[in-house]
Amino acid sequence: MPDFSFAQPQRQSVVGLVLIFATSLYHIARNLWVMVIYFAIGEFSPRTLFLAGAALILILLLSLAYSILYFLNFKFHIDEKKEEFVLQKGVFSTDTINLPFRKIQQVNFKRNILQRVIGVYSVVVETAGSQEKEVEIRALSQEKANSLAEKLMAHAEEERKQPQEEEECVVESEDYITSKAVPEWEHKVSLFTLFKLGLTSNYLRGVGIIIAFYFTLREQFMFNEELSSQLGEPEMFWAQGKFMLIIFLLLVGMIITVGETVIKYFDLHLKKFRDTLQVEMGLRNNTRVNLRASRIQLLQVLTNPIQQKMDLYQVKISLASSENDLEKNQIKVVGLPPDVVSQVKKYFYKSSIEEDFFILPSKFLLWRKISRGMIPLVIISGLLFFYAQLITVAWFAAIAFVYILLVATYNYFYFRKLKLGISRDFLIKHSGVWLQKEEYLEMFRLQSVSMSQPLWYRRRGLINLTFHSAGGDVHFPMVYKSRVQPLINYLLFKIESTNRPWM
């Protein structure tokens, strides 16, 4: 790979001008599409059409001029003396962004379809604690983008090293590019795996949308027996038509949900290098992220019973972020077999995790969940008291029995699954009935521990726990304060005494 120098201000790739101009055209089309349709379907004099065409040409020329000026004024460079990355942009006024190396958290790559066609990458520099949450350079060649990312991350890592590790840091900086030459291991998720994942994860949501769409059509177009009698069609054929319509809508729902999964995670590829885990995926918007273990705040491993039988797991990685931007800083890696999940956890945490003991919720949580589940039944019972003609007592009793059985069974398994595992350095929360989840939080990454105690908890000595980190919170409900107080004291001690950087 060529060794690019970024000491002097430089521009994006020349073909980036095409991307800038295309973006301008997109915004123009989005704002003027009504006028285009208006002139297309209306009848106007030649003079009016000529003036409209001239105005459109003028707008395009102004947009082209703006794109050229924006391209020429967009410059960036690395200032090693001031230890910062500098970016200048603007047409009518110049906006200068100075990012200290120590605030650079991550450098990612993105590509949309147009960027793939013209052969450029977007380089996204994510930061923490600055007004600019992220800085994006939208048109760099692959070699230049890789070189810029490696230099920025090398400088950022050097800034975060402890003073006693400066000598080791220099060696790592020099070997950074070499370490990314050959991956230690890699895993690629196949198209068939994504197909199975789409069927077993988002399908129920898609079915719900399609069913709602069906009932909307039924109300709007009166697809019922009355319409069948008006048309003179036998009810049997009308019922068959409705059945076929439902089957068709379910198939459409399946295609939509599977297609959504395939487009989002197409060509999902993991590569583990010496000091980073590279994740690349996406068909419409291709994204490549280099994950360093130092940035991982919270790790979640998710699956459901069907996916578990197929050895399909999802890993959700939460990075350091502000409270209002947690979802954006989550990386979801899907369709992984158990051995790859173990390799990912080993890279992030360097050693195996063994839970020493578990904290379980109070049994009152089960009764509270069941009693809350009974609220809809009580409300419906009260309404039926005034509309008793709608349903017989026997039918209501049968439906109520089934509902109570389902609510009690679901909440029983929810209670059985919920537990908080404690090891020497980790908190591991286990939860979920259908969507089973394990959340891993290193103790030294904790920022605080909070307790809440509603009035009706006090008599029984119960509290709710929340463990706060830069990547999100872990909640654990209804535990006895006397039992968890030693753990809370230990965690507060760890928070105050640790010298390890949490990001």
Protein backbone atom coordinates (compact mmCIF):
# COMPACT_ATOMS: atom_id res chain seq x y z
CA MET A 1 0.00 0.00 0.00
CA PRO A 2 1.41 3.45 -0.88
CA ASP A 3 2.63 5.53 2.06
CA PHE A 4 0.55 8.69 1.88
CA SER A 5 1.64 11.78 3.74
CA PHE A 6 -1.12 13.90 5.24
CA ALA A 7 1.12 16.64 6.65
CA GLN A 8 -0.05 19.16 4.05
CA PRO A 9 -3.68 20.20 3.39
CA GLN A 10 -5.15 18.14 0.57
CA ARG A 11 -8.45 17.57 -1.15
CA GLN A 12 -10.62 14.55 -1.77
CA SER A 13 -10.32 12.43 -4.90
CA VAL A 14 -11.26 14.30 -8.07
CA VAL A 15 -14.12 11.90 -8.76
CA GLY A 16 -15.56 13.13 -5.47
CA LEU A 17 -16.82 16.12 -7.43
CA VAL A 18 -19.28 13.74 -9.12
CA LEU A 19 -20.52 12.63 -5.70
CA ILE A 20 -20.93 16.21 -4.46
CA PHE A 21 -22.80 17.26 -7.62
CA ALA A 22 -25.01 14.16 -7.51
CA THR A 23 -25.88 14.92 -3.89
CA SER A 24 -26.86 18.47 -4.91
CA LEU A 25 -29.03 17.11 -7.72
CA TYR A 26 -30.73 14.77 -5.28
CA HIS A 27 -31.63 17.64 -2.95
CA ILE A 28 -32.89 19.71 -5.90
CA ALA A 29 -35.05 16.84 -7.16
CA ARG A 30 -36.43 16.20 -3.69
CA ASN A 31 -37.48 19.84 -3.31
CA LEU A 32 -38.72 20.47 -6.86
CA TRP A 33 -40.40 17.17 -7.80
CA VAL A 34 -43.88 18.67 -7.40
CA MET A 35 -43.08 21.41 -9.91
CA VAL A 36 -41.63 18.87 -12.36
CA ILE A 37 -44.87 16.83 -12.25
CA TYR A 38 -46.90 20.04 -12.51
CA PHE A 39 -45.15 21.06 -15.74
CA ALA A 40 -45.22 17.49 -17.07
CA ILE A 41 -48.99 17.05 -16.86
CA GLY A 42 -50.09 20.65 -17.40
CA GLU A 43 -50.54 22.57 -20.63
CA PHE A 44 -48.40 25.69 -20.94
CA SER A 45 -47.36 28.10 -23.66
CA PRO A 46 -43.97 27.64 -25.35
CA ARG A 47 -42.74 30.81 -23.68
CA THR A 48 -43.60 29.49 -20.21
CA LEU A 49 -41.90 26.16 -20.92
CA PHE A 50 -38.84 27.99 -22.28
CA LEU A 51 -38.58 30.13 -19.15
CA ALA A 52 -39.06 27.08 -16.91
CA GLY A 53 -36.34 25.19 -18.81
CA ALA A 54 -34.00 28.18 -18.61
CA ALA A 55 -34.62 28.44 -14.85
CA LEU A 56 -33.87 24.72 -14.44
CA ILE A 57 -30.62 25.04 -16.41
CA LEU A 58 -29.64 28.05 -14.30
CA ILE A 59 -30.29 26.07 -11.11
CA LEU A 60 -28.15 23.19 -12.41
CA LEU A 61 -25.31 25.54 -13.36
CA LEU A 62 -25.43 27.22 -9.94
CA SER A 63 -25.46 23.80 -8.29
CA LEU A 64 -22.44 22.74 -10.36
CA ALA A 65 -20.59 25.95 -9.43
CA TYR A 66 -21.42 25.41 -5.75
CA SER A 67 -20.21 21.78 -5.95
CA ILE A 68 -16.89 22.87 -7.52
CA LEU A 69 -16.31 25.53 -4.86
CA TYR A 70 -17.23 23.09 -2.09
CA PHE A 71 -14.80 20.53 -3.52
CA LEU A 72 -11.97 23.08 -3.81
CA ASN A 73 -12.49 24.45 -0.29
CA PHE A 74 -12.76 21.03 1.39
CA LYS A 75 -9.27 20.25 2.74
CA PHE A 76 -7.85 18.12 5.52
CA HIS A 77 -4.47 17.26 7.03
CA ILE A 78 -2.77 15.77 10.09
CA ASP A 79 -0.91 18.27 12.29
CA GLU A 80 1.51 16.14 14.29
CA LYS A 81 3.02 19.13 16.12
CA LYS A 82 -0.33 20.20 17.55
CA GLU A 83 -1.44 16.53 17.75
CA GLU A 84 -4.71 17.04 15.94
CA PHE A 85 -6.60 16.28 12.75
CA VAL A 86 -7.69 19.42 10.90
CA LEU A 87 -10.54 19.72 8.41
CA GLN A 88 -11.63 22.87 6.55
CA LYS A 89 -14.84 23.20 4.58
CA GLY A 90 -17.36 25.78 3.43
CA VAL A 91 -18.23 27.90 0.40
CA PHE A 92 -19.40 31.29 1.63
CA SER A 93 -17.79 30.92 5.07
CA THR A 94 -14.97 28.64 6.14
CA ASP A 95 -15.60 26.15 8.93
CA THR A 96 -12.44 24.72 10.53
CA ILE A 97 -12.67 21.60 12.70
CA ASN A 98 -9.71 20.66 14.91
CA LEU A 99 -9.90 17.16 16.39
CA PRO A 100 -7.26 16.31 19.02
CA PHE A 101 -5.90 12.80 18.59
CA ARG A 102 -6.96 11.85 22.12
CA LYS A 103 -10.65 12.45 21.24
CA ILE A 104 -10.65 10.21 18.17
CA GLN A 105 -12.50 7.05 19.12
CA GLN A 106 -13.03 5.23 15.85
CA VAL A 107 -12.42 5.55 12.11
CA ASN A 108 -14.97 3.73 9.93
CA PHE A 109 -15.66 3.34 6.22
CA LYS A 110 -18.99 3.69 4.40
CA ARG A 111 -20.03 3.34 0.77
CA ASN A 112 -23.33 3.80 -0.98
CA ILE A 113 -24.11 2.55 -4.47
CA LEU A 114 -22.80 5.67 -6.23
CA GLN A 115 -19.57 5.56 -4.24
CA ARG A 116 -19.10 1.96 -5.32
CA VAL A 117 -19.60 2.89 -8.96
CA ILE A 118 -17.02 5.70 -8.91
CA GLY A 119 -14.66 3.74 -6.64
CA VAL A 120 -14.40 5.92 -3.52
CA TYR A 121 -14.94 5.50 0.22
CA SER A 122 -16.39 7.67 2.96
CA VAL A 123 -14.06 7.93 5.94
CA VAL A 124 -15.98 8.67 9.14
CA VAL A 125 -13.98 9.87 12.15
CA GLU A 126 -15.97 9.37 15.35
CA THR A 127 -15.09 11.45 18.37
CA ALA A 128 -16.10 11.86 21.99
CA GLY A 129 -16.59 15.00 24.00
CA SER A 130 -16.62 17.47 21.12
CA GLN A 131 -19.25 19.52 19.35
CA GLU A 132 -18.71 17.52 16.18
CA LYS A 133 -19.86 13.98 16.95
CA GLU A 134 -18.27 12.70 13.77
CA VAL A 135 -16.36 14.07 10.77
CA GLU A 136 -16.87 12.58 7.33
CA ILE A 137 -14.66 12.72 4.24
CA ARG A 138 -16.87 11.33 1.49
CA ALA A 139 -14.54 10.65 -1.44
CA LEU A 140 -11.18 8.97 -0.94
CA SER A 141 -9.61 6.11 -2.84
CA GLN A 142 -9.34 2.78 -1.00
CA GLU A 143 -5.58 3.07 -0.49
CA LYS A 144 -5.77 6.65 0.74
CA ALA A 145 -8.72 5.89 3.02
CA ASN A 146 -6.92 2.94 4.60
CA SER A 147 -3.74 4.97 5.09
CA LEU A 148 -5.60 7.89 6.70
CA ALA A 149 -7.53 5.58 9.03
CA GLU A 150 -4.40 3.74 10.14
CA LYS A 151 -2.46 6.92 10.83
CA LEU A 152 -5.30 8.51 12.79
CA MET A 153 -5.91 5.40 14.90
CA ALA A 154 -2.17 4.97 15.51
CA HIS A 155 -1.93 8.57 16.77
CA ALA A 156 -5.08 8.15 18.86
CA GLU A 157 -3.72 5.00 20.49
CA GLU A 158 -0.43 6.70 21.27
CA GLU A 159 -2.26 9.54 23.02
CA ARG A 160 -4.23 7.13 25.18
CA LYS A 161 -1.24 5.11 26.31
CA GLN A 162 0.07 5.54 29.85
CA PRO A 163 3.42 7.37 30.17
CA GLN A 164 5.19 4.22 31.33
CA GLU A 165 4.12 2.50 28.12
CA GLU A 166 5.46 5.13 25.72
CA GLU A 167 8.28 2.93 24.45
CA GLU A 168 5.92 0.02 23.78
CA CYS A 169 3.49 2.43 22.12
CA VAL A 170 6.13 3.54 19.61
CA VAL A 171 6.79 -0.05 18.62
CA GLU A 172 3.08 -0.70 18.20
CA SER A 173 2.75 2.44 16.10
CA GLU A 174 5.52 1.31 13.77
CA ASP A 175 4.08 -2.18 13.46
CA TYR A 176 0.48 -1.01 13.03
CA ILE A 177 0.32 -1.38 9.26
CA THR A 178 2.24 -4.67 9.36
CA SER A 179 -0.22 -6.09 11.90
CA LYS A 180 -3.11 -5.50 9.50
CA ALA A 181 -1.55 -7.37 6.61
CA VAL A 182 -2.88 -10.87 7.32
CA PRO A 183 -5.86 -11.67 9.56
CA GLU A 184 -5.40 -14.16 12.40
CA TRP A 185 -8.85 -15.57 11.65
CA GLU A 186 -11.89 -14.58 9.63
CA HIS A 187 -15.51 -15.59 9.21
CA LYS A 188 -17.97 -14.84 6.41
CA VAL A 189 -21.73 -15.16 6.83
CA SER A 190 -23.28 -16.88 3.82
CA LEU A 191 -26.36 -15.73 1.93
CA PHE A 192 -28.19 -18.90 3.02
CA THR A 193 -27.45 -18.08 6.66
CA LEU A 194 -28.91 -14.60 6.22
CA PHE A 195 -31.99 -16.18 4.61
CA LYS A 196 -32.48 -18.44 7.66
CA LEU A 197 -31.88 -15.51 9.97
CA GLY A 198 -34.49 -13.39 8.22
CA LEU A 199 -37.09 -16.16 8.53
CA THR A 200 -36.45 -16.72 12.23
CA SER A 201 -35.96 -13.17 13.54
CA ASN A 202 -38.03 -10.52 11.76
CA TYR A 203 -40.73 -12.71 10.27
CA LEU A 204 -43.29 -12.27 13.06
CA ARG A 205 -42.95 -8.50 12.81
CA GLY A 206 -43.48 -8.68 9.06
CA VAL A 207 -46.49 -10.95 9.49
CA GLY A 208 -48.01 -8.47 11.93
CA ILE A 209 -47.57 -5.63 9.45
CA ILE A 210 -49.13 -7.67 6.64
CA ILE A 211 -52.10 -8.73 8.81
CA ALA A 212 -52.73 -5.11 9.74
CA PHE A 213 -52.50 -4.24 6.04
CA TYR A 214 -55.06 -6.97 5.23
CA PHE A 215 -57.61 -5.70 7.74
CA THR A 216 -57.10 -2.19 6.43
CA LEU A 217 -57.89 -3.42 2.91
CA ARG A 218 -60.89 -5.29 4.24
CA GLU A 219 -62.33 -2.18 5.85
CA GLN A 220 -61.54 0.10 2.91
CA PHE A 221 -62.86 -2.18 0.17
CA MET A 222 -65.50 -4.11 2.18
CA PHE A 223 -64.06 -7.58 1.58
CA ASN A 224 -66.87 -9.42 3.38
CA GLU A 225 -69.82 -11.75 2.84
CA GLU A 226 -72.21 -8.84 2.20
CA LEU A 227 -70.12 -7.75 -0.78
CA SER A 228 -70.03 -11.37 -1.96
CA SER A 229 -73.85 -11.56 -1.97
CA GLN A 230 -74.08 -8.24 -3.80
CA LEU A 231 -71.76 -9.52 -6.51
CA GLY A 232 -73.66 -12.80 -6.76
CA GLU A 233 -70.55 -14.86 -5.93
CA PRO A 234 -70.89 -18.07 -3.88
CA GLU A 235 -69.57 -17.66 -0.34
CA MET A 236 -67.30 -20.69 -0.79
CA PHE A 237 -65.39 -19.05 -3.66
CA TRP A 238 -65.30 -15.78 -1.77
CA ALA A 239 -63.80 -17.53 1.28
CA GLN A 240 -61.22 -19.23 -0.94
CA GLY A 241 -60.29 -15.85 -2.40
CA LYS A 242 -59.75 -14.39 1.05
CA PHE A 243 -57.65 -17.40 2.01
CA MET A 244 -55.48 -16.97 -1.07
CA LEU A 245 -55.14 -13.26 -0.34
CA ILE A 246 -53.91 -13.99 3.19
CA ILE A 247 -51.40 -16.55 1.86
CA PHE A 248 -50.20 -14.02 -0.70
CA LEU A 249 -49.79 -11.31 1.92
CA LEU A 250 -47.88 -13.68 4.22
CA LEU A 251 -45.51 -14.56 1.37
CA VAL A 252 -45.01 -10.87 0.65
CA GLY A 253 -44.26 -10.31 4.34
CA MET A 254 -41.71 -13.12 4.29
CA ILE A 255 -40.00 -11.70 1.19
CA ILE A 256 -39.89 -8.21 2.70
CA THR A 257 -38.43 -9.28 6.04
CA VAL A 258 -35.89 -11.66 4.52
CA GLY A 259 -34.92 -9.05 1.93
CA GLU A 260 -34.44 -6.45 4.67
CA THR A 261 -32.05 -8.77 6.51
CA VAL A 262 -30.11 -9.65 3.35
CA ILE A 263 -29.74 -6.00 2.27
CA LYS A 264 -28.59 -4.85 5.70
CA TYR A 265 -26.12 -7.67 6.41
CA PHE A 266 -25.12 -8.72 2.88
CA ASP A 267 -21.54 -10.05 2.62
CA LEU A 268 -21.03 -9.83 6.40
CA HIS A 269 -17.35 -10.48 6.92
CA LEU A 270 -15.31 -10.57 10.15
CA LYS A 271 -11.51 -10.32 10.13
CA LYS A 272 -9.46 -10.51 13.31
CA PHE A 273 -6.08 -8.80 13.08
CA ARG A 274 -3.53 -8.43 15.83
CA ASP A 275 -5.12 -5.43 17.49
CA THR A 276 -8.47 -4.92 15.81
CA LEU A 277 -11.61 -6.74 14.72
CA GLN A 278 -12.81 -5.61 11.30
CA VAL A 279 -16.52 -5.91 10.49
CA GLU A 280 -17.81 -5.21 6.97
CA MET A 281 -21.39 -5.59 5.74
CA GLY A 282 -24.20 -4.03 3.72
CA LEU A 283 -25.52 -4.09 0.16
CA ARG A 284 -27.14 -0.69 -0.31
CA ASN A 285 -24.90 1.08 2.24
CA ASN A 286 -21.68 -0.83 2.72
CA THR A 287 -20.01 -0.19 6.09
CA ARG A 288 -16.62 -1.26 7.38
CA VAL A 289 -15.77 -0.78 11.05
CA ASN A 290 -12.50 -1.49 12.85
CA LEU A 291 -13.27 -2.40 16.46
CA ARG A 292 -10.63 -2.14 19.15
CA ALA A 293 -11.08 -3.94 22.45
CA SER A 294 -10.43 -0.72 24.37
CA ARG A 295 -13.62 0.84 22.96
CA ILE A 296 -16.02 -1.98 23.80
CA GLN A 297 -18.25 -0.94 26.69
CA LEU A 298 -21.00 -3.56 26.66
CA LEU A 299 -21.34 -6.87 24.82
CA GLN A 300 -24.64 -8.67 24.26
CA VAL A 301 -25.13 -12.17 22.86
CA LEU A 302 -28.67 -12.87 21.62
CA THR A 303 -30.53 -15.81 20.11
CA ASN A 304 -33.94 -17.52 20.17
CA PRO A 305 -34.81 -21.22 20.46
CA ILE A 306 -35.11 -21.73 16.68
CA GLN A 307 -31.85 -19.91 15.93
CA GLN A 308 -30.15 -21.77 18.76
CA LYS A 309 -31.02 -25.09 17.09
CA MET A 310 -29.43 -23.72 13.91
CA ASP A 311 -26.32 -22.44 15.79
CA LEU A 312 -27.16 -18.83 14.91
CA TYR A 313 -26.25 -16.10 17.38
CA GLN A 314 -26.23 -12.31 17.24
CA VAL A 315 -23.53 -10.22 18.90
CA LYS A 316 -24.42 -6.61 19.72
CA ILE A 317 -21.41 -4.45 20.53
CA SER A 318 -21.98 -1.14 22.32
CA LEU A 319 -19.28 1.51 21.97
CA ALA A 320 -18.66 4.58 24.09
CA SER A 321 -21.32 7.16 23.36
CA SER A 322 -23.42 9.98 24.77
CA GLU A 323 -26.76 9.02 26.35
CA ASN A 324 -28.73 10.36 23.37
CA ASP A 325 -26.77 8.41 20.78
CA LEU A 326 -26.56 4.85 22.15
CA GLU A 327 -28.36 3.11 19.30
CA LYS A 328 -26.11 4.71 16.67
CA ASN A 329 -23.00 3.41 18.43
CA GLN A 330 -24.10 -0.21 18.45
CA ILE A 331 -22.62 -2.70 16.00
CA LYS A 332 -24.80 -5.75 15.32
CA VAL A 333 -23.09 -8.84 13.96
CA VAL A 334 -25.57 -11.60 13.11
CA GLY A 335 -25.58 -15.21 12.00
CA LEU A 336 -22.51 -16.30 14.00
CA PRO A 337 -21.91 -19.89 15.14
CA PRO A 338 -20.95 -20.51 18.82
CA ASP A 339 -17.22 -20.95 18.11
CA VAL A 340 -17.01 -17.55 16.37
CA VAL A 341 -18.91 -15.92 19.25
CA SER A 342 -16.32 -17.43 21.61
CA GLN A 343 -13.49 -16.03 19.47
CA VAL A 344 -15.05 -12.55 19.50
CA LYS A 345 -15.42 -12.66 23.30
CA LYS A 346 -11.86 -13.92 23.67
CA TYR A 347 -10.52 -11.01 21.62
CA PHE A 348 -12.46 -8.41 23.58
CA TYR A 349 -11.86 -9.89 27.04
CA LYS A 350 -8.60 -11.86 26.55
CA SER A 351 -9.67 -14.67 28.90
CA SER A 352 -12.61 -16.95 29.58
CA ILE A 353 -15.41 -15.72 31.85
CA GLU A 354 -16.46 -17.96 34.73
CA GLU A 355 -19.29 -16.84 37.00
CA ASP A 356 -18.59 -17.32 40.71
CA PHE A 357 -22.17 -16.87 41.94
CA PHE A 358 -25.57 -15.56 40.87
CA ILE A 359 -27.96 -12.95 42.18
CA LEU A 360 -31.62 -13.83 41.68
CA PRO A 361 -34.64 -11.51 41.78
CA SER A 362 -37.21 -11.71 44.55
CA LYS A 363 -40.25 -13.92 44.03
CA PHE A 364 -42.35 -10.81 44.39
CA LEU A 365 -41.20 -9.89 40.88
CA LEU A 366 -43.06 -12.92 39.51
CA TRP A 367 -46.27 -12.00 41.32
CA ARG A 368 -45.98 -8.38 40.21
CA LYS A 369 -45.51 -9.38 36.55
CA ILE A 370 -48.50 -11.74 36.67
CA SER A 371 -50.71 -9.20 38.42
CA ARG A 372 -49.83 -6.54 35.85
CA GLY A 373 -50.66 -9.00 33.10
CA MET A 374 -54.14 -9.38 34.58
CA ILE A 375 -54.97 -5.69 34.17
CA PRO A 376 -56.22 -6.02 30.53
CA LEU A 377 -58.41 -8.96 31.56
CA VAL A 378 -59.97 -6.93 34.39
CA ILE A 379 -60.66 -3.99 32.06
CA ILE A 380 -62.28 -6.23 29.43
CA SER A 381 -64.37 -7.92 32.13
CA GLY A 382 -65.64 -4.53 33.25
CA LEU A 383 -66.58 -3.55 29.70
CA LEU A 384 -68.38 -6.84 29.06
CA PHE A 385 -70.47 -6.22 32.16
CA PHE A 386 -72.17 -3.45 30.18
CA TYR A 387 -72.14 -5.34 26.86
CA ALA A 388 -72.98 -8.86 28.02
CA GLN A 389 -74.74 -9.66 24.72
CA LEU A 390 -71.43 -9.65 22.83
CA ILE A 391 -70.16 -12.96 24.27
CA THR A 392 -71.47 -15.78 26.45
CA VAL A 393 -70.17 -16.46 29.94
CA ALA A 394 -68.79 -19.85 28.89
CA TRP A 395 -66.80 -18.38 25.99
CA PHE A 396 -65.42 -15.58 28.14
CA ALA A 397 -64.43 -18.03 30.89
CA ALA A 398 -62.58 -20.23 28.37
CA ILE A 399 -60.76 -17.25 26.84
CA ALA A 400 -59.91 -15.87 30.29
CA PHE A 401 -58.54 -19.26 31.40
CA VAL A 402 -56.29 -19.52 28.33
CA TYR A 403 -55.12 -15.92 28.78
CA ILE A 404 -54.27 -16.43 32.48
CA LEU A 405 -52.44 -19.65 31.66
CA LEU A 406 -50.35 -17.94 28.95
CA VAL A 407 -49.52 -14.91 31.11
CA ALA A 408 -48.56 -17.07 34.09
CA THR A 409 -46.43 -19.43 31.98
CA TYR A 410 -44.60 -16.63 30.17
CA ASN A 411 -43.80 -14.72 33.35
CA TYR A 412 -42.73 -17.90 35.14
CA PHE A 413 -40.10 -18.60 32.48
CA TYR A 414 -39.14 -14.90 32.44
CA PHE A 415 -38.50 -15.12 36.19
CA ARG A 416 -36.54 -18.37 35.87
CA LYS A 417 -34.28 -16.96 33.14
CA LEU A 418 -33.52 -13.68 34.89
CA LYS A 419 -30.29 -13.75 36.89
CA LEU A 420 -27.15 -11.68 37.42
CA GLY A 421 -23.89 -13.58 37.21
CA ILE A 422 -20.88 -12.25 39.14
CA SER A 423 -17.26 -13.06 38.40
CA ARG A 424 -14.10 -11.39 39.59
CA ASP A 425 -14.13 -8.78 36.82
CA PHE A 426 -17.54 -9.09 35.13
CA LEU A 427 -21.25 -8.61 35.53
CA ILE A 428 -23.26 -10.97 33.31
CA LYS A 429 -27.01 -10.51 33.06
CA HIS A 430 -29.08 -13.45 31.71
CA SER A 431 -32.63 -12.70 30.57
CA GLY A 432 -35.28 -13.42 27.96
CA VAL A 433 -37.94 -16.03 27.25
CA TRP A 434 -38.06 -16.10 23.45
CA LEU A 435 -35.23 -13.67 22.70
CA GLN A 436 -32.56 -14.95 25.05
CA LYS A 437 -29.90 -12.42 25.96
CA GLU A 438 -26.58 -12.38 27.81
CA GLU A 439 -25.06 -8.98 28.63
CA TYR A 440 -21.36 -8.73 29.55
CA LEU A 441 -20.08 -5.66 31.40
CA GLU A 442 -16.53 -5.35 32.72
CA MET A 443 -16.48 -3.91 36.21
CA PHE A 444 -13.69 -1.41 35.50
CA ARG A 445 -15.89 0.15 32.79
CA LEU A 446 -18.63 0.96 35.29
CA GLN A 447 -19.23 4.68 35.75
CA SER A 448 -21.74 4.42 38.58
CA VAL A 449 -24.28 2.16 40.28
CA SER A 450 -27.71 3.51 41.17
CA MET A 451 -30.49 2.09 43.33
CA SER A 452 -34.18 2.93 43.21
CA GLN A 453 -36.72 1.95 45.85
CA PRO A 454 -40.43 2.72 45.31
CA LEU A 455 -42.55 3.10 48.42
CA TRP A 456 -44.06 -0.39 48.14
CA TYR A 457 -40.52 -1.89 48.04
CA ARG A 458 -39.37 -0.47 51.37
CA ARG A 459 -41.33 -2.72 53.69
CA ARG A 460 -39.77 -5.80 52.08
CA GLY A 461 -36.30 -4.27 51.71
CA LEU A 462 -36.28 -4.51 47.91
CA ILE A 463 -34.47 -2.28 45.39
CA ASN A 464 -33.91 -2.00 41.64
CA LEU A 465 -30.29 -1.87 40.46
CA THR A 466 -28.92 -0.01 37.44
CA PHE A 467 -25.30 -0.36 36.33
CA HIS A 468 -24.23 2.63 34.22
CA SER A 469 -21.55 2.55 31.51
CA ALA A 470 -20.62 4.72 28.53
CA GLY A 471 -22.18 2.13 26.21
CA GLY A 472 -25.53 1.86 27.96
CA ASP A 473 -27.09 0.70 31.21
CA VAL A 474 -27.81 -2.74 32.62
CA HIS A 475 -30.96 -2.93 34.75
CA PHE A 476 -31.75 -5.64 37.28
CA PRO A 477 -35.09 -5.44 39.12
CA MET A 478 -36.33 -6.28 42.61
CA VAL A 479 -33.46 -7.70 44.68
CA TYR A 480 -33.04 -7.68 48.45
CA LYS A 481 -30.87 -4.74 49.46
CA SER A 482 -29.26 -6.63 52.35
CA ARG A 483 -28.06 -9.35 49.95
CA VAL A 484 -26.57 -7.07 47.29
CA GLN A 485 -25.09 -4.35 49.55
CA PRO A 486 -21.66 -6.10 49.73
CA LEU A 487 -21.62 -6.32 45.92
CA ILE A 488 -22.53 -2.63 45.58
CA ASN A 489 -19.75 -1.66 48.00
CA TYR A 490 -17.27 -3.77 46.05
CA LEU A 491 -18.32 -2.23 42.71
CA LEU A 492 -18.04 1.31 44.10
CA PHE A 493 -14.57 0.44 45.36
CA LYS A 494 -13.62 -0.86 41.91
CA ILE A 495 -14.94 2.31 40.26
CA GLU A 496 -12.91 4.57 42.55
CA SER A 497 -9.71 2.55 42.65
CA THR A 498 -9.20 1.33 39.08
CA ASN A 499 -6.48 2.96 36.99
CA ARG A 500 -7.38 1.23 33.75
CA PRO A 501 -8.74 3.53 30.99
CA TRP A 502 -12.36 2.64 30.26
CA MET A 503 -12.29 3.94 26.67
